[in-house]
Amino acid sequence: MSALTTLGEEVRFLPEEPSPRPRAWRRGRVAGWTAVVGFGGLAAWIAIAGAVRAIGESRRAECVAHLGRIGRAIQDYHVAHGHLPAPAISGRDGTPLLSWRVAILPQLGDRSLYDRFRLDEPWDSPHNRALLAEMPPEFACPSGPGQRSGRTGYQVVVGPETTPTSVNTPFEPGRGADLREITDGTSNTVLVVEGDSPVPWTKPDDLQWSPDGPLPRVESPHGGGSHAMFADGSIRFVNVTIQPETLRAVLTINGGELTGG
């Protein structure tokens, strides 16, 4: 409404000064054409704004669909292995080599691509790096850099290693939680969020969090916040204005907080 009002105020009709009739008639024609052009420009602006809004809504809907497929793949991984995927496929010495996104490829229906990775080599080895260009469409946010870039904004939040008294996220170095460990409730716990700093999709590079450190930023290419996939499979938009204590509550699995749903 404010945008329309502002544009409307730009269409001004100057009062006519007393003058001979022919001049007044000419001014009247000019004013009339100004009105036609002004309202025509306003209508065009409204049409463009509506189209841009529709595109934005379509991209958000596509992003939600991508997160939904990622969520189902993670749940299928849990069924197959008894726990969520670890943030990284690690080497024998514990060095992170490849992202959890590679680990869920069989559940995404890309078993053949998964089999082509050398799981004992890092993501940027000559062999594995060549597979960056084959990023599945599910990892490409429609408002992000695109599938061909090989970069994704879909990330998990990795917390520190669990201790008997610690509060943690569903993911920690070398380990993904069993859903039964999520005592805060699966509808109150985030598994995957979209960030505004895309990373190579095969790289074990995710958002980091520790109880005494800063919270991850809630921003995405869509503006105003980020889509988040929760442990119950639901997808919600987390507003950038979310209170820090609420964000901390939905990022952790066992803090005992009540988030209201």
C-alpha atoms as a PDB file:
ATOM      1  CA  MET A   1       0.000   0.000   0.000  1.00  0.00           C
ATOM      2  CA  SER A   2       2.768   2.425   0.862  1.00  0.00           C
ATOM      3  CA  ALA A   3       4.546   1.746  -2.436  1.00  0.00           C
ATOM      4  CA  LEU A   4       1.376   2.433  -4.393  1.00  0.00           C
ATOM      5  CA  THR A   5       0.734   5.604  -2.393  1.00  0.00           C
ATOM      6  CA  THR A   6       4.248   6.861  -3.073  1.00  0.00           C
ATOM      7  CA  LEU A   7       3.897   6.306  -6.801  1.00  0.00           C
ATOM      8  CA  GLY A   8       0.471   7.886  -6.753  1.00  0.00           C
ATOM      9  CA  GLU A   9       1.868  10.989  -5.131  1.00  0.00           C
ATOM     10  CA  GLU A  10       4.333  11.322  -8.000  1.00  0.00           C
ATOM     11  CA  VAL A  11       1.453  11.837 -10.453  1.00  0.00           C
ATOM     12  CA  ARG A  12       0.688  15.492  -9.847  1.00  0.00           C
ATOM     13  CA  PHE A  13      -1.728  17.781 -11.682  1.00  0.00           C
ATOM     14  CA  LEU A  14      -0.564  21.401 -11.608  1.00  0.00           C
ATOM     15  CA  PRO A  15      -3.350  23.951 -11.126  1.00  0.00           C
ATOM     16  CA  GLU A  16      -3.980  26.118 -14.143  1.00  0.00           C
ATOM     17  CA  GLU A  17      -3.270  29.814 -13.844  1.00  0.00           C
ATOM     18  CA  PRO A  18      -5.666  32.338 -15.387  1.00  0.00           C
ATOM     19  CA  SER A  19      -4.725  32.598 -19.051  1.00  0.00           C
ATOM     20  CA  PRO A  20      -6.253  32.960 -22.475  1.00  0.00           C
ATOM     21  CA  ARG A  21      -8.522  30.101 -23.445  1.00  0.00           C
ATOM     22  CA  PRO A  22      -6.235  28.519 -26.106  1.00  0.00           C
ATOM     23  CA  ARG A  23      -3.328  28.227 -23.624  1.00  0.00           C
ATOM     24  CA  ALA A  24      -5.619  26.763 -20.980  1.00  0.00           C
ATOM     25  CA  TRP A  25      -6.923  24.249 -23.504  1.00  0.00           C
ATOM     26  CA  ARG A  26      -3.364  23.196 -24.392  1.00  0.00           C
ATOM     27  CA  ARG A  27      -2.481  22.860 -20.684  1.00  0.00           C
ATOM     28  CA  GLY A  28      -5.587  20.742 -20.190  1.00  0.00           C
ATOM     29  CA  ARG A  29      -4.501  18.356 -22.949  1.00  0.00           C
ATOM     30  CA  VAL A  30      -0.989  18.121 -21.500  1.00  0.00           C
ATOM     31  CA  ALA A  31      -2.382  17.464 -18.021  1.00  0.00           C
ATOM     32  CA  GLY A  32      -4.691  14.827 -19.437  1.00  0.00           C
ATOM     33  CA  TRP A  33      -1.867  13.037 -21.214  1.00  0.00           C
ATOM     34  CA  THR A  34       0.239  13.305 -18.032  1.00  0.00           C
ATOM     35  CA  ALA A  35      -2.540  11.542 -16.154  1.00  0.00           C
ATOM     36  CA  VAL A  36      -2.781   8.818 -18.793  1.00  0.00           C
ATOM     37  CA  VAL A  37       0.981   8.267 -18.828  1.00  0.00           C
ATOM     38  CA  GLY A  38       1.166   8.434 -15.028  1.00  0.00           C
ATOM     39  CA  PHE A  39      -1.547   5.889 -14.427  1.00  0.00           C
ATOM     40  CA  GLY A  40      -0.201   3.741 -17.273  1.00  0.00           C
ATOM     41  CA  GLY A  41       3.206   3.728 -15.574  1.00  0.00           C
ATOM     42  CA  LEU A  42       1.579   2.871 -12.252  1.00  0.00           C
ATOM     43  CA  ALA A  43      -0.308  -0.029 -13.806  1.00  0.00           C
ATOM     44  CA  ALA A  44       2.895  -1.297 -15.402  1.00  0.00           C
ATOM     45  CA  TRP A  45       4.712  -1.025 -12.081  1.00  0.00           C
ATOM     46  CA  ILE A  46       1.936  -2.950 -10.343  1.00  0.00           C
ATOM     47  CA  ALA A  47       2.141  -5.679 -13.009  1.00  0.00           C
ATOM     48  CA  ILE A  48       5.936  -5.909 -12.696  1.00  0.00           C
ATOM     49  CA  ALA A  49       5.771  -5.950  -8.892  1.00  0.00           C
ATOM     50  CA  GLY A  50       3.170  -8.712  -9.030  1.00  0.00           C
ATOM     51  CA  ALA A  51       5.303 -10.753 -11.412  1.00  0.00           C
ATOM     52  CA  VAL A  52       8.394 -10.321  -9.222  1.00  0.00           C
ATOM     53  CA  ARG A  53       6.395 -11.344  -6.152  1.00  0.00           C
ATOM     54  CA  ALA A  54       5.045 -14.392  -7.975  1.00  0.00           C
ATOM     55  CA  ILE A  55       8.565 -15.409  -9.001  1.00  0.00           C
ATOM     56  CA  GLY A  56       9.757 -15.012  -5.409  1.00  0.00           C
ATOM     57  CA  GLU A  57       6.872 -17.129  -4.106  1.00  0.00           C
ATOM     58  CA  SER A  58       7.533 -19.782  -6.766  1.00  0.00           C
ATOM     59  CA  ARG A  59      11.201 -19.969  -5.824  1.00  0.00           C
ATOM     60  CA  ARG A  60      10.364 -20.285  -2.148  1.00  0.00           C
ATOM     61  CA  ALA A  61       7.912 -23.085  -2.939  1.00  0.00           C
ATOM     62  CA  GLU A  62      10.613 -24.860  -4.968  1.00  0.00           C
ATOM     63  CA  CYS A  63      13.081 -24.407  -2.106  1.00  0.00           C
ATOM     64  CA  VAL A  64      10.584 -25.988   0.281  1.00  0.00           C
ATOM     65  CA  ALA A  65      10.177 -28.917  -2.126  1.00  0.00           C
ATOM     66  CA  HIS A  66      13.956 -29.412  -2.258  1.00  0.00           C
ATOM     67  CA  LEU A  67      14.211 -29.392   1.527  1.00  0.00           C
ATOM     68  CA  GLY A  68      11.331 -31.847   1.690  1.00  0.00           C
ATOM     69  CA  ARG A  69      13.192 -34.333  -0.506  1.00  0.00           C
ATOM     70  CA  ILE A  70      16.385 -33.843   1.510  1.00  0.00           C
ATOM     71  CA  GLY A  71      14.387 -34.423   4.687  1.00  0.00           C
ATOM     72  CA  ARG A  72      12.905 -37.673   3.401  1.00  0.00           C
ATOM     73  CA  ALA A  73      16.375 -38.854   2.380  1.00  0.00           C
ATOM     74  CA  ILE A  74      17.720 -38.107   5.860  1.00  0.00           C
ATOM     75  CA  GLN A  75      14.824 -39.985   7.442  1.00  0.00           C
ATOM     76  CA  ASP A  76      15.432 -42.951   5.118  1.00  0.00           C
ATOM     77  CA  TYR A  77      19.111 -42.835   6.088  1.00  0.00           C
ATOM     78  CA  HIS A  78      18.050 -42.982   9.747  1.00  0.00           C
ATOM     79  CA  VAL A  79      15.874 -46.006   9.042  1.00  0.00           C
ATOM     80  CA  ALA A  80      18.744 -47.766   7.269  1.00  0.00           C
ATOM     81  CA  HIS A  81      21.488 -46.925   9.786  1.00  0.00           C
ATOM     82  CA  GLY A  82      19.703 -46.237  13.076  1.00  0.00           C
ATOM     83  CA  HIS A  83      20.957 -42.663  13.319  1.00  0.00           C
ATOM     84  CA  LEU A  84      21.244 -39.438  11.350  1.00  0.00           C
ATOM     85  CA  PRO A  85      24.211 -39.086   8.998  1.00  0.00           C
ATOM     86  CA  ALA A  86      27.346 -37.672  10.556  1.00  0.00           C
ATOM     87  CA  PRO A  87      28.239 -34.173   9.323  1.00  0.00           C
ATOM     88  CA  ALA A  88      31.082 -35.737   7.350  1.00  0.00           C
ATOM     89  CA  ILE A  89      32.304 -39.001   5.942  1.00  0.00           C
ATOM     90  CA  SER A  90      35.636 -39.283   7.743  1.00  0.00           C
ATOM     91  CA  GLY A  91      38.887 -41.083   7.117  1.00  0.00           C
ATOM     92  CA  ARG A  92      40.323 -43.724   9.434  1.00  0.00           C
ATOM     93  CA  ASP A  93      42.111 -41.008  11.407  1.00  0.00           C
ATOM     94  CA  GLY A  94      38.884 -39.026  11.858  1.00  0.00           C
ATOM     95  CA  THR A  95      39.696 -36.384   9.240  1.00  0.00           C
ATOM     96  CA  PRO A  96      36.490 -35.102   7.573  1.00  0.00           C
ATOM     97  CA  LEU A  97      36.614 -35.987   3.881  1.00  0.00           C
ATOM     98  CA  LEU A  98      33.167 -35.619   2.327  1.00  0.00           C
ATOM     99  CA  SER A  99      29.895 -33.968   3.311  1.00  0.00           C
ATOM    100  CA  TRP A 100      26.778 -35.617   4.744  1.00  0.00           C
ATOM    101  CA  ARG A 101      25.187 -34.581   1.445  1.00  0.00           C
ATOM    102  CA  VAL A 102      27.272 -37.269  -0.258  1.00  0.00           C
ATOM    103  CA  ALA A 103      26.287 -39.810   2.406  1.00  0.00           C
ATOM    104  CA  ILE A 104      22.541 -39.457   1.660  1.00  0.00           C
ATOM    105  CA  LEU A 105      22.894 -39.792  -2.128  1.00  0.00           C
ATOM    106  CA  PRO A 106      21.576 -43.392  -2.139  1.00  0.00           C
ATOM    107  CA  GLN A 107      18.454 -42.205  -0.290  1.00  0.00           C
ATOM    108  CA  LEU A 108      18.036 -39.366  -2.805  1.00  0.00           C
ATOM    109  CA  GLY A 109      17.994 -41.934  -5.606  1.00  0.00           C
ATOM    110  CA  ASP A 110      21.572 -41.208  -6.739  1.00  0.00           C
ATOM    111  CA  ARG A 111      23.249 -44.468  -5.779  1.00  0.00           C
ATOM    112  CA  SER A 112      25.267 -44.515  -8.993  1.00  0.00           C
ATOM    113  CA  LEU A 113      26.741 -41.106  -8.228  1.00  0.00           C
ATOM    114  CA  TYR A 114      27.504 -42.178  -4.653  1.00  0.00           C
ATOM    115  CA  ASP A 115      29.353 -45.250  -5.936  1.00  0.00           C
ATOM    116  CA  ARG A 116      31.584 -43.067  -8.088  1.00  0.00           C
ATOM    117  CA  PHE A 117      33.011 -41.196  -5.101  1.00  0.00           C
ATOM    118  CA  ARG A 118      36.224 -42.358  -3.511  1.00  0.00           C
ATOM    119  CA  LEU A 119      35.151 -42.279   0.119  1.00  0.00           C
ATOM    120  CA  ASP A 120      38.709 -42.510   1.375  1.00  0.00           C
ATOM    121  CA  GLU A 121      39.742 -39.327  -0.417  1.00  0.00           C
ATOM    122  CA  PRO A 122      38.899 -35.696   0.456  1.00  0.00           C
ATOM    123  CA  TRP A 123      36.234 -33.770  -1.412  1.00  0.00           C
ATOM    124  CA  ASP A 124      38.846 -31.805  -3.362  1.00  0.00           C
ATOM    125  CA  SER A 125      41.018 -34.713  -4.509  1.00  0.00           C
ATOM    126  CA  PRO A 126      41.367 -34.702  -8.311  1.00  0.00           C
ATOM    127  CA  HIS A 127      38.910 -37.594  -8.652  1.00  0.00           C
ATOM    128  CA  ASN A 128      36.243 -36.320  -6.234  1.00  0.00           C
ATOM    129  CA  ARG A 129      36.532 -32.700  -7.320  1.00  0.00           C
ATOM    130  CA  ALA A 130      35.480 -33.704 -10.839  1.00  0.00           C
ATOM    131  CA  LEU A 131      32.101 -34.765  -9.374  1.00  0.00           C
ATOM    132  CA  LEU A 132      31.277 -31.286  -8.073  1.00  0.00           C
ATOM    133  CA  ALA A 133      29.581 -30.483 -11.373  1.00  0.00           C
ATOM    134  CA  GLU A 134      27.097 -33.325 -10.840  1.00  0.00           C
ATOM    135  CA  MET A 135      25.339 -31.811  -7.853  1.00  0.00           C
ATOM    136  CA  PRO A 136      21.784 -33.185  -7.548  1.00  0.00           C
ATOM    137  CA  PRO A 137      19.062 -30.569  -8.131  1.00  0.00           C
ATOM    138  CA  GLU A 138      17.789 -31.000  -4.567  1.00  0.00           C
ATOM    139  CA  PHE A 139      20.856 -29.171  -3.232  1.00  0.00           C
ATOM    140  CA  ALA A 140      20.357 -26.109  -5.451  1.00  0.00           C
ATOM    141  CA  CYS A 141      18.248 -23.356  -3.892  1.00  0.00           C
ATOM    142  CA  PRO A 142      16.332 -21.707  -6.782  1.00  0.00           C
ATOM    143  CA  SER A 143      17.352 -18.284  -5.470  1.00  0.00           C
ATOM    144  CA  GLY A 144      20.987 -19.340  -5.015  1.00  0.00           C
ATOM    145  CA  PRO A 145      23.909 -19.726  -7.419  1.00  0.00           C
ATOM    146  CA  GLY A 146      22.311 -22.612  -9.315  1.00  0.00           C
ATOM    147  CA  GLN A 147      22.902 -26.323  -9.829  1.00  0.00           C
ATOM    148  CA  ARG A 148      25.768 -25.875 -12.297  1.00  0.00           C
ATOM    149  CA  SER A 149      27.806 -23.949  -9.728  1.00  0.00           C
ATOM    150  CA  GLY A 150      28.219 -27.063  -7.574  1.00  0.00           C
ATOM    151  CA  ARG A 151      27.533 -24.950  -4.475  1.00  0.00           C
ATOM    152  CA  THR A 152      24.719 -25.222  -1.959  1.00  0.00           C
ATOM    153  CA  GLY A 153      23.348 -23.243   0.942  1.00  0.00           C
ATOM    154  CA  TYR A 154      21.683 -26.245   2.616  1.00  0.00           C
ATOM    155  CA  GLN A 155      23.671 -26.983   5.743  1.00  0.00           C
ATOM    156  CA  VAL A 156      23.398 -28.635   9.143  1.00  0.00           C
ATOM    157  CA  VAL A 157      24.419 -27.035  12.424  1.00  0.00           C
ATOM    158  CA  VAL A 158      27.342 -28.891  13.978  1.00  0.00           C
ATOM    159  CA  GLY A 159      27.776 -28.720  17.734  1.00  0.00           C
ATOM    160  CA  PRO A 160      30.606 -29.838  19.988  1.00  0.00           C
ATOM    161  CA  GLU A 161      31.085 -33.423  21.099  1.00  0.00           C
ATOM    162  CA  THR A 162      28.486 -34.568  23.607  1.00  0.00           C
ATOM    163  CA  THR A 163      29.252 -34.878  27.290  1.00  0.00           C
ATOM    164  CA  PRO A 164      26.891 -36.245  29.972  1.00  0.00           C
ATOM    165  CA  THR A 165      25.804 -32.702  30.876  1.00  0.00           C
ATOM    166  CA  SER A 166      26.018 -30.921  27.519  1.00  0.00           C
ATOM    167  CA  VAL A 167      23.322 -29.447  25.315  1.00  0.00           C
ATOM    168  CA  ASN A 168      23.952 -30.241  21.675  1.00  0.00           C
ATOM    169  CA  THR A 169      22.662 -30.122  18.128  1.00  0.00           C
ATOM    170  CA  PRO A 170      21.593 -33.232  16.175  1.00  0.00           C
ATOM    171  CA  PHE A 171      25.057 -33.293  14.614  1.00  0.00           C
ATOM    172  CA  GLU A 172      28.493 -33.393  16.189  1.00  0.00           C
ATOM    173  CA  PRO A 173      31.916 -34.215  14.777  1.00  0.00           C
ATOM    174  CA  GLY A 174      31.902 -37.819  13.581  1.00  0.00           C
ATOM    175  CA  ARG A 175      28.349 -38.549  14.682  1.00  0.00           C
ATOM    176  CA  GLY A 176      24.688 -38.017  13.859  1.00  0.00           C
ATOM    177  CA  ALA A 177      22.147 -38.405  16.649  1.00  0.00           C
ATOM    178  CA  ASP A 178      19.495 -41.074  16.960  1.00  0.00           C
ATOM    179  CA  LEU A 179      16.091 -39.375  16.730  1.00  0.00           C
ATOM    180  CA  ARG A 180      15.254 -40.873  20.115  1.00  0.00           C
ATOM    181  CA  GLU A 181      17.908 -38.595  21.597  1.00  0.00           C
ATOM    182  CA  ILE A 182      15.885 -35.532  20.606  1.00  0.00           C
ATOM    183  CA  THR A 183      14.154 -35.052  23.936  1.00  0.00           C
ATOM    184  CA  ASP A 184      12.996 -31.541  23.021  1.00  0.00           C
ATOM    185  CA  GLY A 185      10.712 -33.095  20.385  1.00  0.00           C
ATOM    186  CA  THR A 186      11.274 -33.580  16.677  1.00  0.00           C
ATOM    187  CA  SER A 187       8.863 -30.752  15.817  1.00  0.00           C
ATOM    188  CA  ASN A 188      11.008 -28.383  17.896  1.00  0.00           C
ATOM    189  CA  THR A 189      14.419 -29.330  16.488  1.00  0.00           C
ATOM    190  CA  VAL A 190      16.026 -28.136  13.248  1.00  0.00           C
ATOM    191  CA  LEU A 191      18.018 -30.564  11.106  1.00  0.00           C
ATOM    192  CA  VAL A 192      18.819 -28.571   7.955  1.00  0.00           C
ATOM    193  CA  VAL A 193      18.804 -24.831   7.307  1.00  0.00           C
ATOM    194  CA  GLU A 194      19.634 -22.756   4.250  1.00  0.00           C
ATOM    195  CA  GLY A 195      22.357 -20.165   4.592  1.00  0.00           C
ATOM    196  CA  ASP A 196      23.418 -17.182   2.534  1.00  0.00           C
ATOM    197  CA  SER A 197      27.011 -18.356   2.020  1.00  0.00           C
ATOM    198  CA  PRO A 198      26.921 -21.360  -0.351  1.00  0.00           C
ATOM    199  CA  VAL A 199      29.653 -23.988  -0.081  1.00  0.00           C
ATOM    200  CA  PRO A 200      30.809 -26.758  -2.451  1.00  0.00           C
ATOM    201  CA  TRP A 201      28.166 -29.428  -1.981  1.00  0.00           C
ATOM    202  CA  THR A 202      30.645 -32.255  -1.386  1.00  0.00           C
ATOM    203  CA  LYS A 203      32.761 -30.281   1.083  1.00  0.00           C
ATOM    204  CA  PRO A 204      32.245 -31.061   4.803  1.00  0.00           C
ATOM    205  CA  ASP A 205      31.563 -27.402   5.539  1.00  0.00           C
ATOM    206  CA  ASP A 206      28.572 -26.542   7.712  1.00  0.00           C
ATOM    207  CA  LEU A 207      27.366 -24.047  10.285  1.00  0.00           C
ATOM    208  CA  GLN A 208      29.105 -24.328  13.642  1.00  0.00           C
ATOM    209  CA  TRP A 209      27.699 -23.737  17.114  1.00  0.00           C
ATOM    210  CA  SER A 210      28.941 -24.058  20.688  1.00  0.00           C
ATOM    211  CA  PRO A 211      27.092 -23.148  23.906  1.00  0.00           C
ATOM    212  CA  ASP A 212      29.477 -20.287  24.642  1.00  0.00           C
ATOM    213  CA  GLY A 213      29.727 -19.070  21.036  1.00  0.00           C
ATOM    214  CA  PRO A 214      27.548 -16.984  18.690  1.00  0.00           C
ATOM    215  CA  LEU A 215      24.419 -18.406  17.113  1.00  0.00           C
ATOM    216  CA  PRO A 216      24.420 -19.098  13.367  1.00  0.00           C
ATOM    217  CA  ARG A 217      23.015 -16.353  11.156  1.00  0.00           C
ATOM    218  CA  VAL A 218      19.447 -16.842   9.996  1.00  0.00           C
ATOM    219  CA  GLU A 219      19.707 -15.441   6.481  1.00  0.00           C
ATOM    220  CA  SER A 220      19.166 -16.838   3.006  1.00  0.00           C
ATOM    221  CA  PRO A 221      18.850 -15.686  -0.613  1.00  0.00           C
ATOM    222  CA  HIS A 222      15.087 -15.333  -0.091  1.00  0.00           C
ATOM    223  CA  GLY A 223      15.502 -12.441   2.344  1.00  0.00           C
ATOM    224  CA  GLY A 224      13.937 -11.992   5.763  1.00  0.00           C
ATOM    225  CA  GLY A 225      15.119 -15.298   7.173  1.00  0.00           C
ATOM    226  CA  SER A 226      15.735 -18.925   6.188  1.00  0.00           C
ATOM    227  CA  HIS A 227      13.785 -22.059   5.444  1.00  0.00           C
ATOM    228  CA  ALA A 228      14.484 -24.813   7.949  1.00  0.00           C
ATOM    229  CA  MET A 229      13.698 -28.513   7.846  1.00  0.00           C
ATOM    230  CA  PHE A 230      12.757 -29.893  11.252  1.00  0.00           C
ATOM    231  CA  ALA A 231      13.325 -33.407  12.557  1.00  0.00           C
ATOM    232  CA  ASP A 232       9.645 -34.307  12.100  1.00  0.00           C
ATOM    233  CA  GLY A 233       9.962 -33.548   8.379  1.00  0.00           C
ATOM    234  CA  SER A 234       8.137 -30.204   8.503  1.00  0.00           C
ATOM    235  CA  ILE A 235       9.605 -27.141   6.813  1.00  0.00           C
ATOM    236  CA  ARG A 236       9.161 -23.693   8.287  1.00  0.00           C
ATOM    237  CA  PHE A 237      10.505 -20.232   7.560  1.00  0.00           C
ATOM    238  CA  VAL A 238      12.622 -18.968  10.462  1.00  0.00           C
ATOM    239  CA  ASN A 239      12.381 -15.191  10.516  1.00  0.00           C
ATOM    240  CA  VAL A 240      15.559 -13.150  10.843  1.00  0.00           C
ATOM    241  CA  THR A 241      13.991 -11.428  13.855  1.00  0.00           C
ATOM    242  CA  ILE A 242      13.707 -14.668  15.840  1.00  0.00           C
ATOM    243  CA  GLN A 243      14.680 -14.228  19.466  1.00  0.00           C
ATOM    244  CA  PRO A 244      18.132 -15.687  20.273  1.00  0.00           C
ATOM    245  CA  GLU A 245      16.759 -17.917  23.017  1.00  0.00           C
ATOM    246  CA  THR A 246      14.163 -19.362  20.622  1.00  0.00           C
ATOM    247  CA  LEU A 247      16.760 -19.962  17.913  1.00  0.00           C
ATOM    248  CA  ARG A 248      19.018 -21.689  20.418  1.00  0.00           C
ATOM    249  CA  ALA A 249      16.088 -23.855  21.482  1.00  0.00           C
ATOM    250  CA  VAL A 250      15.277 -25.106  17.976  1.00  0.00           C
ATOM    251  CA  LEU A 251      18.926 -25.785  17.138  1.00  0.00           C
ATOM    252  CA  THR A 252      19.471 -28.080  20.118  1.00  0.00           C
ATOM    253  CA  ILE A 253      18.059 -31.518  20.887  1.00  0.00           C
ATOM    254  CA  ASN A 254      18.061 -31.648  24.677  1.00  0.00           C
ATOM    255  CA  GLY A 255      17.883 -28.163  26.149  1.00  0.00           C
ATOM    256  CA  GLY A 256      14.462 -28.694  27.708  1.00  0.00           C
ATOM    257  CA  GLU A 257      13.085 -25.465  26.230  1.00  0.00           C
ATOM    258  CA  LEU A 258       9.469 -24.968  25.209  1.00  0.00           C
ATOM    259  CA  THR A 259       9.253 -23.254  21.820  1.00  0.00           C
ATOM    260  CA  GLY A 260       5.492 -23.246  21.352  1.00  0.00           C
ATOM    261  CA  GLY A 261       5.328 -25.869  18.599  1.00  0.00           C
END
